[in-house]
């Protein structure tokens, strides 16, 4: 067959960062809220992951600060962005097959 028919999905690509000159402690707190954090205690005996919002939302991470999410999940992440004066750019995109699979997965 010359072409393949498969379902398409509109999603949002979100590019975000904090304003220039933001204190390092604010950056660290922001990263934790978005991405979570791998950490340990008792001198490295116990390892665990503190969850961030992206642990709850199916997404495709292209780079640090660049993600693709379903339109319906944008409201959840925008709440965190508004707490940190985040600079945001969004665009609607068509997803490829792999992105559709990742965005329709059930949250862990």
PDB file of N, CA and C in Angstrom:
ATOM      1  N   UNK A   1       0.831  -1.170   0.000  1.00  0.00           N
ATOM      2  CA  UNK A   1       0.000   0.000   0.000  1.00  0.00           C
ATOM      3  C   UNK A   1       0.882   1.243   0.000  1.00  0.00           C
ATOM      4  N   UNK A   2       0.449   2.266  -0.681  1.00  0.00           N
ATOM      5  CA  UNK A   2       1.252   3.468  -0.816  1.00  0.00           C
ATOM      6  C   UNK A   2       1.260   4.352   0.422  1.00  0.00           C
ATOM      7  N   UNK A   3       0.216   4.285   1.207  1.00  0.00           N
ATOM      8  CA  UNK A   3       0.160   5.112   2.396  1.00  0.00           C
ATOM      9  C   UNK A   3      -0.531   4.369   3.521  1.00  0.00           C
ATOM     10  N   UNK A   4      -0.280   4.800   4.691  1.00  0.00           N
ATOM     11  CA  UNK A   4      -0.796   4.170   5.898  1.00  0.00           C
ATOM     12  C   UNK A   4      -1.855   5.069   6.523  1.00  0.00           C
ATOM     13  N   UNK A   5      -2.968   4.506   6.931  1.00  0.00           N
ATOM     14  CA  UNK A   5      -3.969   5.280   7.646  1.00  0.00           C
ATOM     15  C   UNK A   5      -3.867   4.909   9.122  1.00  0.00           C
ATOM     16  N   UNK A   6      -3.719   5.898   9.947  1.00  0.00           N
ATOM     17  CA  UNK A   6      -3.678   5.680  11.385  1.00  0.00           C
ATOM     18  C   UNK A   6      -4.304   6.881  12.074  1.00  0.00           C
ATOM     19  N   UNK A   7      -4.780   6.688  13.283  1.00  0.00           N
ATOM     20  CA  UNK A   7      -5.444   7.792  13.973  1.00  0.00           C
ATOM     21  C   UNK A   7      -4.473   8.938  14.248  1.00  0.00           C
ATOM     22  N   UNK A   8      -5.002  10.134  14.249  1.00  0.00           N
ATOM     23  CA  UNK A   8      -4.186  11.291  14.600  1.00  0.00           C
ATOM     24  C   UNK A   8      -4.726  11.903  15.876  1.00  0.00           C
ATOM     25  N   UNK A   9      -3.911  12.701  16.491  1.00  0.00           N
ATOM     26  CA  UNK A   9      -4.306  13.351  17.738  1.00  0.00           C
ATOM     27  C   UNK A   9      -3.682  14.734  17.750  1.00  0.00           C
ATOM     28  N   UNK A  10      -4.471  15.720  18.109  1.00  0.00           N
ATOM     29  CA  UNK A  10      -3.913  17.038  18.348  1.00  0.00           C
ATOM     30  C   UNK A  10      -3.428  17.088  19.790  1.00  0.00           C
ATOM     31  N   UNK A  11      -2.273  17.623  19.964  1.00  0.00           N
ATOM     32  CA  UNK A  11      -1.706  17.788  21.298  1.00  0.00           C
ATOM     33  C   UNK A  11      -1.081  19.179  21.352  1.00  0.00           C
ATOM     34  N   UNK A  12      -0.467  19.491  22.466  1.00  0.00           N
ATOM     35  CA  UNK A  12       0.168  20.795  22.633  1.00  0.00           C
ATOM     36  C   UNK A  12       1.642  20.589  22.912  1.00  0.00           C
ATOM     37  N   UNK A  13       2.471  21.315  22.184  1.00  0.00           N
ATOM     38  CA  UNK A  13       3.888  21.361  22.532  1.00  0.00           C
ATOM     39  C   UNK A  13       4.058  22.581  23.424  1.00  0.00           C
ATOM     40  N   UNK A  14       4.700  22.374  24.556  1.00  0.00           N
ATOM     41  CA  UNK A  14       4.877  23.430  25.549  1.00  0.00           C
ATOM     42  C   UNK A  14       6.375  23.653  25.733  1.00  0.00           C
ATOM     43  N   UNK A  15       6.806  24.891  25.501  1.00  0.00           N
ATOM     44  CA  UNK A  15       8.192  25.295  25.730  1.00  0.00           C
ATOM     45  C   UNK A  15       8.155  26.257  26.910  1.00  0.00           C
ATOM     46  N   UNK A  16       8.926  25.959  27.952  1.00  0.00           N
ATOM     47  CA  UNK A  16       8.840  26.774  29.163  1.00  0.00           C
ATOM     48  C   UNK A  16      10.203  26.959  29.812  1.00  0.00           C
ATOM     49  N   UNK A  17      10.350  28.103  30.491  1.00  0.00           N
ATOM     50  CA  UNK A  17      11.545  28.377  31.289  1.00  0.00           C
ATOM     51  C   UNK A  17      11.243  29.507  32.254  1.00  0.00           C
ATOM     52  N   UNK A  18      12.060  29.653  33.253  1.00  0.00           N
ATOM     53  CA  UNK A  18      11.902  30.728  34.215  1.00  0.00           C
ATOM     54  C   UNK A  18      12.618  31.980  33.695  1.00  0.00           C
ATOM     55  N   UNK A  19      12.195  33.154  34.142  1.00  0.00           N
ATOM     56  CA  UNK A  19      12.834  34.387  33.679  1.00  0.00           C
ATOM     57  C   UNK A  19      14.322  34.434  34.048  1.00  0.00           C
ATOM     58  N   UNK A  20      15.080  35.141  33.235  1.00  0.00           N
ATOM     59  CA  UNK A  20      16.501  35.320  33.499  1.00  0.00           C
ATOM     60  C   UNK A  20      16.678  36.018  34.844  1.00  0.00           C
ATOM     61  N   UNK A  21      17.658  35.570  35.608  1.00  0.00           N
ATOM     62  CA  UNK A  21      17.933  36.168  36.906  1.00  0.00           C
ATOM     63  C   UNK A  21      17.166  35.536  38.060  1.00  0.00           C
ATOM     64  N   UNK A  22      16.370  34.498  37.775  1.00  0.00           N
ATOM     65  CA  UNK A  22      15.644  33.813  38.843  1.00  0.00           C
ATOM     66  C   UNK A  22      16.646  33.084  39.738  1.00  0.00           C
ATOM     67  N   UNK A  23      16.460  33.199  41.036  1.00  0.00           N
ATOM     68  CA  UNK A  23      17.378  32.609  42.012  1.00  0.00           C
ATOM     69  C   UNK A  23      17.444  31.085  41.856  1.00  0.00           C
ATOM     70  N   UNK A  24      18.597  30.499  42.137  1.00  0.00           N
ATOM     71  CA  UNK A  24      18.825  29.061  41.975  1.00  0.00           C
ATOM     72  C   UNK A  24      17.865  28.223  42.826  1.00  0.00           C
ATOM     73  N   UNK A  25      17.521  28.697  44.006  1.00  0.00           N
ATOM     74  CA  UNK A  25      16.579  27.953  44.853  1.00  0.00           C
ATOM     75  C   UNK A  25      15.198  27.861  44.210  1.00  0.00           C
ATOM     76  N   UNK A  26      14.795  28.910  43.524  1.00  0.00           N
ATOM     77  CA  UNK A  26      13.503  28.915  42.827  1.00  0.00           C
ATOM     78  C   UNK A  26      13.559  27.910  41.675  1.00  0.00           C
ATOM     79  N   UNK A  27      14.678  27.896  40.931  1.00  0.00           N
ATOM     80  CA  UNK A  27      14.848  26.923  39.838  1.00  0.00           C
ATOM     81  C   UNK A  27      14.729  25.494  40.364  1.00  0.00           C
ATOM     82  N   UNK A  28      15.379  25.221  41.476  1.00  0.00           N
ATOM     83  CA  UNK A  28      15.358  23.875  42.053  1.00  0.00           C
ATOM     84  C   UNK A  28      13.938  23.474  42.458  1.00  0.00           C
ATOM     85  N   UNK A  29      13.229  24.371  43.104  1.00  0.00           N
ATOM     86  CA  UNK A  29      11.853  24.104  43.508  1.00  0.00           C
ATOM     87  C   UNK A  29      10.960  23.876  42.284  1.00  0.00           C
ATOM     88  N   UNK A  30      11.152  24.678  41.266  1.00  0.00           N
ATOM     89  CA  UNK A  30      10.378  24.561  40.026  1.00  0.00           C
ATOM     90  C   UNK A  30      10.622  23.204  39.366  1.00  0.00           C
ATOM     91  N   UNK A  31      11.897  22.807  39.239  1.00  0.00           N
ATOM     92  CA  UNK A  31      12.229  21.506  38.639  1.00  0.00           C
ATOM     93  C   UNK A  31      11.584  20.366  39.414  1.00  0.00           C
ATOM     94  N   UNK A  32      11.613  20.442  40.738  1.00  0.00           N
ATOM     95  CA  UNK A  32      10.986  19.402  41.566  1.00  0.00           C
ATOM     96  C   UNK A  32       9.488  19.299  41.286  1.00  0.00           C
ATOM     97  N   UNK A  33       8.810  20.441  41.206  1.00  0.00           N
ATOM     98  CA  UNK A  33       7.359  20.436  40.974  1.00  0.00           C
ATOM     99  C   UNK A  33       7.023  19.876  39.598  1.00  0.00           C
ATOM    100  N   UNK A  34       7.849  20.142  38.601  1.00  0.00           N
ATOM    101  CA  UNK A  34       7.577  19.691  37.240  1.00  0.00           C
ATOM    102  C   UNK A  34       8.061  18.249  37.034  1.00  0.00           C
ATOM    103  N   UNK A  35       9.343  17.999  37.276  1.00  0.00           N
ATOM    104  CA  UNK A  35       9.959  16.716  36.935  1.00  0.00           C
ATOM    105  C   UNK A  35      10.075  15.733  38.095  1.00  0.00           C
ATOM    106  N   UNK A  36       9.894  16.208  39.325  1.00  0.00           N
ATOM    107  CA  UNK A  36      10.161  15.348  40.463  1.00  0.00           C
ATOM    108  C   UNK A  36      11.652  15.342  40.751  1.00  0.00           C
ATOM    109  N   UNK A  37      12.077  14.431  41.612  1.00  0.00           N
ATOM    110  CA  UNK A  37      13.494  14.399  41.972  1.00  0.00           C
ATOM    111  C   UNK A  37      13.862  13.025  42.514  1.00  0.00           C
ATOM    112  N   UNK A  38      14.952  12.469  42.016  1.00  0.00           N
ATOM    113  CA  UNK A  38      15.512  11.248  42.586  1.00  0.00           C
ATOM    114  C   UNK A  38      16.384  11.663  43.767  1.00  0.00           C
ATOM    115  N   UNK A  39      16.172  11.036  44.889  1.00  0.00           N
ATOM    116  CA  UNK A  39      16.905  11.419  46.087  1.00  0.00           C
ATOM    117  C   UNK A  39      17.218  10.182  46.928  1.00  0.00           C
ATOM    118  N   UNK A  40      18.033  10.370  47.943  1.00  0.00           N
ATOM    119  CA  UNK A  40      18.372   9.253  48.824  1.00  0.00           C
ATOM    120  C   UNK A  40      18.496   9.773  50.252  1.00  0.00           C
ATOM    121  N   UNK A  41      18.494   8.847  51.172  1.00  0.00           N
ATOM    122  CA  UNK A  41      18.648   9.203  52.583  1.00  0.00           C
ATOM    123  C   UNK A  41      19.546   8.174  53.264  1.00  0.00           C
ATOM    124  N   UNK A  42      19.913   8.484  54.469  1.00  0.00           N
ATOM    125  CA  UNK A  42      20.789   7.625  55.257  1.00  0.00           C
ATOM    126  C   UNK A  42      22.063   7.261  54.503  1.00  0.00           C
ATOM    127  N   UNK A  43      22.732   8.274  54.014  1.00  0.00           N
ATOM    128  CA  UNK A  43      24.014   8.070  53.343  1.00  0.00           C
ATOM    129  C   UNK A  43      23.910   7.237  52.072  1.00  0.00           C
ATOM    130  N   UNK A  44      22.793   7.289  51.403  1.00  0.00           N
ATOM    131  CA  UNK A  44      22.626   6.555  50.153  1.00  0.00           C
ATOM    132  C   UNK A  44      22.014   5.177  50.287  1.00  0.00           C
ATOM    133  N   UNK A  45      21.623   4.817  51.486  1.00  0.00           N
ATOM    134  CA  UNK A  45      21.029   3.483  51.679  1.00  0.00           C
ATOM    135  C   UNK A  45      19.649   3.358  51.038  1.00  0.00           C
ATOM    136  N   UNK A  46      18.880   4.414  51.116  1.00  0.00           N
ATOM    137  CA  UNK A  46      17.505   4.375  50.604  1.00  0.00           C
ATOM    138  C   UNK A  46      17.362   5.360  49.448  1.00  0.00           C
ATOM    139  N   UNK A  47      16.875   4.870  48.349  1.00  0.00           N
ATOM    140  CA  UNK A  47      16.666   5.709  47.171  1.00  0.00           C
ATOM    141  C   UNK A  47      15.177   5.763  46.855  1.00  0.00           C
ATOM    142  N   UNK A  48      14.717   6.933  46.501  1.00  0.00           N
ATOM    143  CA  UNK A  48      13.317   7.070  46.125  1.00  0.00           C
ATOM    144  C   UNK A  48      13.147   8.258  45.183  1.00  0.00           C
ATOM    145  N   UNK A  49      11.969   8.355  44.609  1.00  0.00           N
ATOM    146  CA  UNK A  49      11.669   9.424  43.669  1.00  0.00           C
ATOM    147  C   UNK A  49      10.527  10.266  44.213  1.00  0.00           C
ATOM    148  N   UNK A  50      10.792  11.547  44.410  1.00  0.00           N
ATOM    149  CA  UNK A  50       9.720  12.482  44.756  1.00  0.00           C
ATOM    150  C   UNK A  50       8.996  12.814  43.470  1.00  0.00           C
ATOM    151  N   UNK A  51       7.680  12.638  43.460  1.00  0.00           N
ATOM    152  CA  UNK A  51       6.919  12.823  42.235  1.00  0.00           C
ATOM    153  C   UNK A  51       6.722  14.296  41.894  1.00  0.00           C
ATOM    154  N   UNK A  52       6.774  14.567  40.586  1.00  0.00           N
ATOM    155  CA  UNK A  52       6.430  15.868  40.043  1.00  0.00           C
ATOM    156  C   UNK A  52       5.162  15.720  39.214  1.00  0.00           C
ATOM    157  N   UNK A  53       4.673  16.808  38.673  1.00  0.00           N
ATOM    158  CA  UNK A  53       3.431  16.771  37.907  1.00  0.00           C
ATOM    159  C   UNK A  53       3.558  15.889  36.664  1.00  0.00           C
ATOM    160  N   UNK A  54       4.736  15.821  36.060  1.00  0.00           N
ATOM    161  CA  UNK A  54       4.899  14.994  34.857  1.00  0.00           C
ATOM    162  C   UNK A  54       4.908  13.502  35.164  1.00  0.00           C
ATOM    163  N   UNK A  55       5.019  13.128  36.430  1.00  0.00           N
ATOM    164  CA  UNK A  55       4.866  11.723  36.801  1.00  0.00           C
ATOM    165  C   UNK A  55       3.402  11.308  36.751  1.00  0.00           C
ATOM    166  N   UNK A  56       2.505  12.285  36.782  1.00  0.00           N
ATOM    167  CA  UNK A  56       1.071  12.013  36.768  1.00  0.00           C
ATOM    168  C   UNK A  56       0.426  12.234  35.406  1.00  0.00           C
ATOM    169  N   UNK A  57       1.123  12.922  34.512  1.00  0.00           N
ATOM    170  CA  UNK A  57       0.571  13.267  33.202  1.00  0.00           C
ATOM    171  C   UNK A  57       1.357  12.541  32.117  1.00  0.00           C
ATOM    172  N   UNK A  58       0.679  11.771  31.248  1.00  0.00           N
ATOM    173  CA  UNK A  58       1.394  11.189  30.107  1.00  0.00           C
ATOM    174  C   UNK A  58       1.956  12.322  29.234  1.00  0.00           C
ATOM    175  N   UNK A  59       3.217  12.204  28.869  1.00  0.00           N
ATOM    176  CA  UNK A  59       3.863  13.269  28.100  1.00  0.00           C
ATOM    177  C   UNK A  59       5.010  12.711  27.272  1.00  0.00           C
ATOM    178  N   UNK A  60       5.468  13.511  26.346  1.00  0.00           N
ATOM    179  CA  UNK A  60       6.669  13.219  25.579  1.00  0.00           C
ATOM    180  C   UNK A  60       7.627  14.364  25.869  1.00  0.00           C
ATOM    181  N   UNK A  61       8.781  14.045  26.447  1.00  0.00           N
ATOM    182  CA  UNK A  61       9.765  15.084  26.741  1.00  0.00           C
ATOM    183  C   UNK A  61      10.775  15.116  25.604  1.00  0.00           C
ATOM    184  N   UNK A  62      10.835  16.241  24.913  1.00  0.00           N
ATOM    185  CA  UNK A  62      11.775  16.385  23.810  1.00  0.00           C
ATOM    186  C   UNK A  62      13.138  16.873  24.302  1.00  0.00           C
ATOM    187  N   UNK A  63      13.120  17.856  25.186  1.00  0.00           N
ATOM    188  CA  UNK A  63      14.310  18.422  25.818  1.00  0.00           C
ATOM    189  C   UNK A  63      13.879  18.935  27.178  1.00  0.00           C
ATOM    190  N   UNK A  64      14.828  19.388  27.983  1.00  0.00           N
ATOM    191  CA  UNK A  64      14.457  20.022  29.231  1.00  0.00           C
ATOM    192  C   UNK A  64      13.685  21.278  28.869  1.00  0.00           C
ATOM    193  N   UNK A  65      12.483  21.396  29.390  1.00  0.00           N
ATOM    194  CA  UNK A  65      11.668  22.574  29.136  1.00  0.00           C
ATOM    195  C   UNK A  65      10.851  22.498  27.861  1.00  0.00           C
ATOM    196  N   UNK A  66      10.818  21.322  27.206  1.00  0.00           N
ATOM    197  CA  UNK A  66      10.026  21.142  25.985  1.00  0.00           C
ATOM    198  C   UNK A  66       9.292  19.809  26.088  1.00  0.00           C
ATOM    199  N   UNK A  67       7.952  19.869  26.192  1.00  0.00           N
ATOM    200  CA  UNK A  67       7.157  18.657  26.329  1.00  0.00           C
ATOM    201  C   UNK A  67       5.953  18.705  25.392  1.00  0.00           C
ATOM    202  N   UNK A  68       5.431  17.525  25.089  1.00  0.00           N
ATOM    203  CA  UNK A  68       4.179  17.404  24.349  1.00  0.00           C
ATOM    204  C   UNK A  68       3.189  16.734  25.295  1.00  0.00           C
ATOM    205  N   UNK A  69       2.020  17.353  25.447  1.00  0.00           N
ATOM    206  CA  UNK A  69       0.972  16.809  26.310  1.00  0.00           C
ATOM    207  C   UNK A  69      -0.369  16.916  25.606  1.00  0.00           C
ATOM    208  N   UNK A  70      -1.361  16.173  26.110  1.00  0.00           N
ATOM    209  CA  UNK A  70      -2.720  16.308  25.597  1.00  0.00           C
ATOM    210  C   UNK A  70      -3.267  17.664  26.013  1.00  0.00           C
ATOM    211  N   UNK A  71      -4.131  18.214  25.166  1.00  0.00           N
ATOM    212  CA  UNK A  71      -4.748  19.503  25.489  1.00  0.00           C
ATOM    213  C   UNK A  71      -5.442  19.470  26.842  1.00  0.00           C
ATOM    214  N   UNK A  72      -6.072  18.358  27.153  1.00  0.00           N
ATOM    215  CA  UNK A  72      -6.835  18.246  28.393  1.00  0.00           C
ATOM    216  C   UNK A  72      -5.953  18.304  29.648  1.00  0.00           C
ATOM    217  N   UNK A  73      -4.664  18.045  29.517  1.00  0.00           N
ATOM    218  CA  UNK A  73      -3.760  18.071  30.675  1.00  0.00           C
ATOM    219  C   UNK A  73      -3.045  19.402  30.861  1.00  0.00           C
ATOM    220  N   UNK A  74      -3.224  20.314  29.919  1.00  0.00           N
ATOM    221  CA  UNK A  74      -2.504  21.588  29.993  1.00  0.00           C
ATOM    222  C   UNK A  74      -2.900  22.391  31.234  1.00  0.00           C
ATOM    223  N   UNK A  75      -4.171  22.338  31.607  1.00  0.00           N
ATOM    224  CA  UNK A  75      -4.642  23.110  32.756  1.00  0.00           C
ATOM    225  C   UNK A  75      -3.893  22.725  34.034  1.00  0.00           C
ATOM    226  N   UNK A  76      -3.611  21.431  34.201  1.00  0.00           N
ATOM    227  CA  UNK A  76      -2.920  20.953  35.410  1.00  0.00           C
ATOM    228  C   UNK A  76      -1.514  21.537  35.525  1.00  0.00           C
ATOM    229  N   UNK A  77      -0.802  21.539  34.407  1.00  0.00           N
ATOM    230  CA  UNK A  77       0.581  22.013  34.453  1.00  0.00           C
ATOM    231  C   UNK A  77       0.635  23.540  34.463  1.00  0.00           C
ATOM    232  N   UNK A  78      -0.360  24.182  33.873  1.00  0.00           N
ATOM    233  CA  UNK A  78      -0.386  25.646  33.855  1.00  0.00           C
ATOM    234  C   UNK A  78      -0.518  26.222  35.265  1.00  0.00           C
ATOM    235  N   UNK A  79      -1.195  25.507  36.156  1.00  0.00           N
ATOM    236  CA  UNK A  79      -1.310  25.953  37.544  1.00  0.00           C
ATOM    237  C   UNK A  79       0.061  26.103  38.197  1.00  0.00           C
ATOM    238  N   UNK A  80       0.945  25.163  37.930  1.00  0.00           N
ATOM    239  CA  UNK A  80       2.306  25.239  38.477  1.00  0.00           C
ATOM    240  C   UNK A  80       3.070  26.371  37.818  1.00  0.00           C
ATOM    241  N   UNK A  81       2.931  26.509  36.496  1.00  0.00           N
ATOM    242  CA  UNK A  81       3.610  27.594  35.792  1.00  0.00           C
ATOM    243  C   UNK A  81       3.233  28.952  36.377  1.00  0.00           C
ATOM    244  N   UNK A  82       1.971  29.131  36.718  1.00  0.00           N
ATOM    245  CA  UNK A  82       1.512  30.430  37.226  1.00  0.00           C
ATOM    246  C   UNK A  82       2.113  30.742  38.605  1.00  0.00           C
ATOM    247  N   UNK A  83       2.498  29.733  39.362  1.00  0.00           N
ATOM    248  CA  UNK A  83       3.113  29.942  40.676  1.00  0.00           C
ATOM    249  C   UNK A  83       4.545  30.467  40.561  1.00  0.00           C
ATOM    250  N   UNK A  84       5.176  30.281  39.417  1.00  0.00           N
ATOM    251  CA  UNK A  84       6.596  30.609  39.273  1.00  0.00           C
ATOM    252  C   UNK A  84       6.896  31.661  38.207  1.00  0.00           C
ATOM    253  N   UNK A  85       5.923  32.394  37.724  1.00  0.00           N
ATOM    254  CA  UNK A  85       6.135  33.409  36.676  1.00  0.00           C
ATOM    255  C   UNK A  85       6.858  32.816  35.471  1.00  0.00           C
ATOM    256  N   UNK A  86       6.467  31.640  35.084  1.00  0.00           N
ATOM    257  CA  UNK A  86       7.117  30.909  33.997  1.00  0.00           C
ATOM    258  C   UNK A  86       6.826  31.558  32.650  1.00  0.00           C
ATOM    259  N   UNK A  87       7.832  31.606  31.796  1.00  0.00           N
ATOM    260  CA  UNK A  87       7.670  32.075  30.422  1.00  0.00           C
ATOM    261  C   UNK A  87       7.289  30.855  29.589  1.00  0.00           C
ATOM    262  N   UNK A  88       6.136  30.930  28.902  1.00  0.00           N
ATOM    263  CA  UNK A  88       5.569  29.766  28.223  1.00  0.00           C
ATOM    264  C   UNK A  88       5.247  30.105  26.778  1.00  0.00           C
ATOM    265  N   UNK A  89       5.530  29.174  25.887  1.00  0.00           N
ATOM    266  CA  UNK A  89       5.085  29.221  24.488  1.00  0.00           C
ATOM    267  C   UNK A  89       4.395  27.895  24.203  1.00  0.00           C
ATOM    268  N   UNK A  90       3.226  27.925  23.586  1.00  0.00           N
ATOM    269  CA  UNK A  90       2.524  26.692  23.249  1.00  0.00           C
ATOM    270  C   UNK A  90       2.098  26.725  21.787  1.00  0.00           C
ATOM    271  N   UNK A  91       2.018  25.537  21.194  1.00  0.00           N
ATOM    272  CA  UNK A  91       1.519  25.375  19.826  1.00  0.00           C
ATOM    273  C   UNK A  91       0.781  24.051  19.753  1.00  0.00           C
ATOM    274  N   UNK A  92      -0.258  24.010  18.945  1.00  0.00           N
ATOM    275  CA  UNK A  92      -0.966  22.761  18.692  1.00  0.00           C
ATOM    276  C   UNK A  92      -0.168  21.997  17.644  1.00  0.00           C
ATOM    277  N   UNK A  93       0.026  20.691  17.881  1.00  0.00           N
ATOM    278  CA  UNK A  93       0.799  19.849  16.957  1.00  0.00           C
ATOM    279  C   UNK A  93       0.032  18.566  16.669  1.00  0.00           C
ATOM    280  N   UNK A  94       0.317  17.952  15.555  1.00  0.00           N
ATOM    281  CA  UNK A  94      -0.195  16.619  15.221  1.00  0.00           C
ATOM    282  C   UNK A  94       0.849  15.611  15.687  1.00  0.00           C
ATOM    283  N   UNK A  95       0.391  14.585  16.377  1.00  0.00           N
ATOM    284  CA  UNK A  95       1.306  13.587  16.927  1.00  0.00           C
ATOM    285  C   UNK A  95       1.549  12.452  15.938  1.00  0.00           C
ATOM    286  N   UNK A  96       2.742  11.872  16.026  1.00  0.00           N
ATOM    287  CA  UNK A  96       3.023  10.667  15.251  1.00  0.00           C
ATOM    288  C   UNK A  96       2.554   9.447  16.044  1.00  0.00           C
ATOM    289  N   UNK A  97       2.685   8.262  15.471  1.00  0.00           N
ATOM    290  CA  UNK A  97       2.190   7.034  16.111  1.00  0.00           C
ATOM    291  C   UNK A  97       2.771   6.826  17.507  1.00  0.00           C
ATOM    292  N   UNK A  98       4.087   6.986  17.631  1.00  0.00           N
ATOM    293  CA  UNK A  98       4.745   6.765  18.924  1.00  0.00           C
ATOM    294  C   UNK A  98       4.256   7.751  19.980  1.00  0.00           C
ATOM    295  N   UNK A  99       4.097   9.014  19.585  1.00  0.00           N
ATOM    296  CA  UNK A  99       3.614  10.017  20.535  1.00  0.00           C
ATOM    297  C   UNK A  99       2.195   9.699  20.983  1.00  0.00           C
ATOM    298  N   UNK A 100       1.353   9.272  20.064  1.00  0.00           N
ATOM    299  CA  UNK A 100      -0.029   8.910  20.422  1.00  0.00           C
ATOM    300  C   UNK A 100      -0.038   7.799  21.462  1.00  0.00           C
ATOM    301  N   UNK A 101       0.805   6.785  21.253  1.00  0.00           N
ATOM    302  CA  UNK A 101       0.871   5.686  22.216  1.00  0.00           C
ATOM    303  C   UNK A 101       1.298   6.185  23.601  1.00  0.00           C
ATOM    304  N   UNK A 102       2.296   7.040  23.640  1.00  0.00           N
ATOM    305  CA  UNK A 102       2.794   7.548  24.920  1.00  0.00           C
ATOM    306  C   UNK A 102       1.792   8.460  25.614  1.00  0.00           C
ATOM    307  N   UNK A 103       1.053   9.241  24.839  1.00  0.00           N
ATOM    308  CA  UNK A 103       0.102  10.176  25.424  1.00  0.00           C
ATOM    309  C   UNK A 103      -1.200   9.515  25.857  1.00  0.00           C
ATOM    310  N   UNK A 104      -1.473   8.325  25.339  1.00  0.00           N
ATOM    311  CA  UNK A 104      -2.703   7.629  25.726  1.00  0.00           C
ATOM    312  C   UNK A 104      -2.455   6.547  26.766  1.00  0.00           C
ATOM    313  N   UNK A 105      -1.193   6.409  27.203  1.00  0.00           N
ATOM    314  CA  UNK A 105      -0.889   5.449  28.270  1.00  0.00           C
ATOM    315  C   UNK A 105      -1.601   5.880  29.542  1.00  0.00           C
ATOM    316  N   UNK A 106      -1.890   4.901  30.369  1.00  0.00           N
ATOM    317  CA  UNK A 106      -2.454   5.220  31.673  1.00  0.00           C
ATOM    318  C   UNK A 106      -1.343   5.687  32.574  1.00  0.00           C
ATOM    319  N   UNK A 107      -1.651   6.630  33.420  1.00  0.00           N
ATOM    320  CA  UNK A 107      -0.655   7.169  34.352  1.00  0.00           C
ATOM    321  C   UNK A 107      -0.200   6.066  35.294  1.00  0.00           C
ATOM    322  N   UNK A 108       1.099   6.103  35.677  1.00  0.00           N
ATOM    323  CA  UNK A 108       1.617   5.096  36.597  1.00  0.00           C
ATOM    324  C   UNK A 108       0.987   5.169  37.960  1.00  0.00           C
TER     325      UNK A 108
END
